[in-house]
Amino acid sequence: MDFAVTNVVTLAISFLGYFAGNKLIDTYLLILFLEGGLLLIFGGLSGFVLSSVLFWAFGRYFRARKTSPNLKDETEEKQSAKGKRFIILGAALLTESILLALSIM
């Protein structure tokens, strides 16, 4: 679903570039390549920064947590999978843009 939506958005932006006087396929490939790279960067950042121990440590200062005597004081922090969706989408868009560029050559 995300792949189709990003392709439709890319195509709409490419038509704007086409009406401005650029070639449609060149604009589409450029936007697709940039979009894929930005999604990879955003996915990596959201997977790393949002799940890092430092980020959650700041949250402990601003939230009051209730603890019960049965729980351990130290808990093991796991990296979350929040960025995997963006990384997979970005990799798919980059692969699509490279394959389209190679097929045009």
Protein backbone atom coordinates (compact mmCIF):
# COMPACT_ATOMS: atom_id res chain seq x y z
CA MET A 1 0.00 0.00 0.00
CA ASP A 2 2.75 2.44 0.93
CA PHE A 3 4.63 1.57 -2.25
CA ALA A 4 1.63 2.40 -4.43
CA VAL A 5 0.91 5.64 -2.59
CA THR A 6 4.49 6.87 -2.90
CA ASN A 7 4.51 6.01 -6.61
CA VAL A 8 1.29 7.97 -7.16
CA VAL A 9 2.70 10.96 -5.25
CA THR A 10 5.92 10.72 -7.26
CA LEU A 11 3.97 10.60 -10.50
CA ALA A 12 1.93 13.66 -9.50
CA ILE A 13 5.11 15.60 -8.71
CA SER A 14 6.60 14.42 -12.01
CA PHE A 15 3.62 15.80 -13.92
CA LEU A 16 4.25 19.17 -12.30
CA GLY A 17 7.82 18.98 -13.56
CA TYR A 18 6.57 17.90 -16.98
CA PHE A 19 4.29 20.92 -17.23
CA ALA A 20 7.23 23.10 -16.23
CA GLY A 21 9.10 21.87 -19.32
CA ASN A 22 11.12 18.84 -18.19
CA LYS A 23 10.93 15.29 -19.54
CA LEU A 24 8.41 13.19 -17.65
CA ILE A 25 10.52 10.04 -17.23
CA ASP A 26 13.63 11.97 -16.17
CA THR A 27 11.68 13.91 -13.56
CA TYR A 28 9.98 10.73 -12.36
CA LEU A 29 13.30 8.92 -11.93
CA LEU A 30 14.90 11.85 -10.12
CA ILE A 31 12.00 12.27 -7.69
CA LEU A 32 11.80 8.51 -7.14
CA PHE A 33 15.53 8.30 -6.42
CA LEU A 34 15.44 11.24 -3.99
CA GLU A 35 12.32 9.91 -2.28
CA GLY A 36 13.89 6.47 -1.83
CA GLY A 37 17.06 7.96 -0.36
CA LEU A 38 15.15 10.18 2.04
CA LEU A 39 13.00 7.27 3.19
CA LEU A 40 16.10 5.18 3.84
CA ILE A 41 17.65 7.98 5.88
CA PHE A 42 14.42 8.64 7.80
CA GLY A 43 13.91 4.92 8.46
CA GLY A 44 17.44 4.53 9.76
CA LEU A 45 17.10 7.55 12.00
CA SER A 46 13.73 6.54 13.37
CA GLY A 47 14.94 3.00 14.03
CA PHE A 48 18.11 4.17 15.74
CA VAL A 49 17.27 7.42 17.50
CA LEU A 50 13.78 6.59 18.68
CA SER A 51 14.86 3.28 20.13
CA SER A 52 18.17 4.29 21.61
CA VAL A 53 18.73 4.15 25.32
CA LEU A 54 19.50 7.87 25.45
CA PHE A 55 16.08 8.78 24.01
CA TRP A 56 14.24 6.61 26.52
CA ALA A 57 16.43 7.87 29.37
CA PHE A 58 15.20 11.40 28.74
CA GLY A 59 11.64 10.11 28.88
CA ARG A 60 12.23 8.76 32.37
CA TYR A 61 13.00 12.22 33.67
CA PHE A 62 9.76 13.66 32.34
CA ARG A 63 7.40 10.83 33.29
CA ALA A 64 6.63 9.45 36.69
CA ARG A 65 6.63 5.67 36.65
CA LYS A 66 4.97 3.46 39.18
CA THR A 67 7.08 0.54 40.23
CA SER A 68 5.99 -2.56 42.02
CA PRO A 69 8.23 -4.60 44.31
CA ASN A 70 7.99 -7.60 41.97
CA LEU A 71 9.65 -5.81 39.06
CA LYS A 72 13.38 -5.43 38.69
CA ASP A 73 14.85 -1.96 38.90
CA GLU A 74 16.86 -2.45 35.75
CA THR A 75 15.16 -3.44 32.54
CA GLU A 76 16.83 -4.38 29.33
CA GLU A 77 16.17 -1.94 26.49
CA LYS A 78 15.49 -3.42 23.06
CA GLN A 79 15.69 -1.61 19.77
CA SER A 80 12.28 -1.27 18.28
CA ALA A 81 11.32 -2.01 14.72
CA LYS A 82 9.82 1.40 14.03
CA GLY A 83 12.10 2.20 11.12
CA LYS A 84 11.93 -1.11 9.28
CA ARG A 85 8.89 -0.12 7.26
CA PHE A 86 10.56 3.03 5.95
CA ILE A 87 13.82 1.22 5.22
CA ILE A 88 12.06 -1.47 3.19
CA LEU A 89 10.03 1.14 1.31
CA GLY A 90 13.11 3.25 0.61
CA ALA A 91 15.05 0.25 -0.65
CA ALA A 92 12.17 -0.76 -2.92
CA LEU A 93 11.93 2.77 -4.36
CA LEU A 94 15.68 2.95 -4.95
CA THR A 95 15.62 -0.45 -6.65
CA GLU A 96 12.71 0.65 -8.82
CA SER A 97 14.45 3.85 -9.86
CA ILE A 98 17.68 2.02 -10.71
CA LEU A 99 15.85 -0.62 -12.76
CA LEU A 100 13.85 2.02 -14.65
CA ALA A 101 17.00 4.01 -15.35
CA LEU A 102 18.77 0.93 -16.66
CA SER A 103 15.83 -0.04 -18.85
CA ILE A 104 15.80 3.41 -20.49
CA MET A 105 19.48 3.32 -21.37
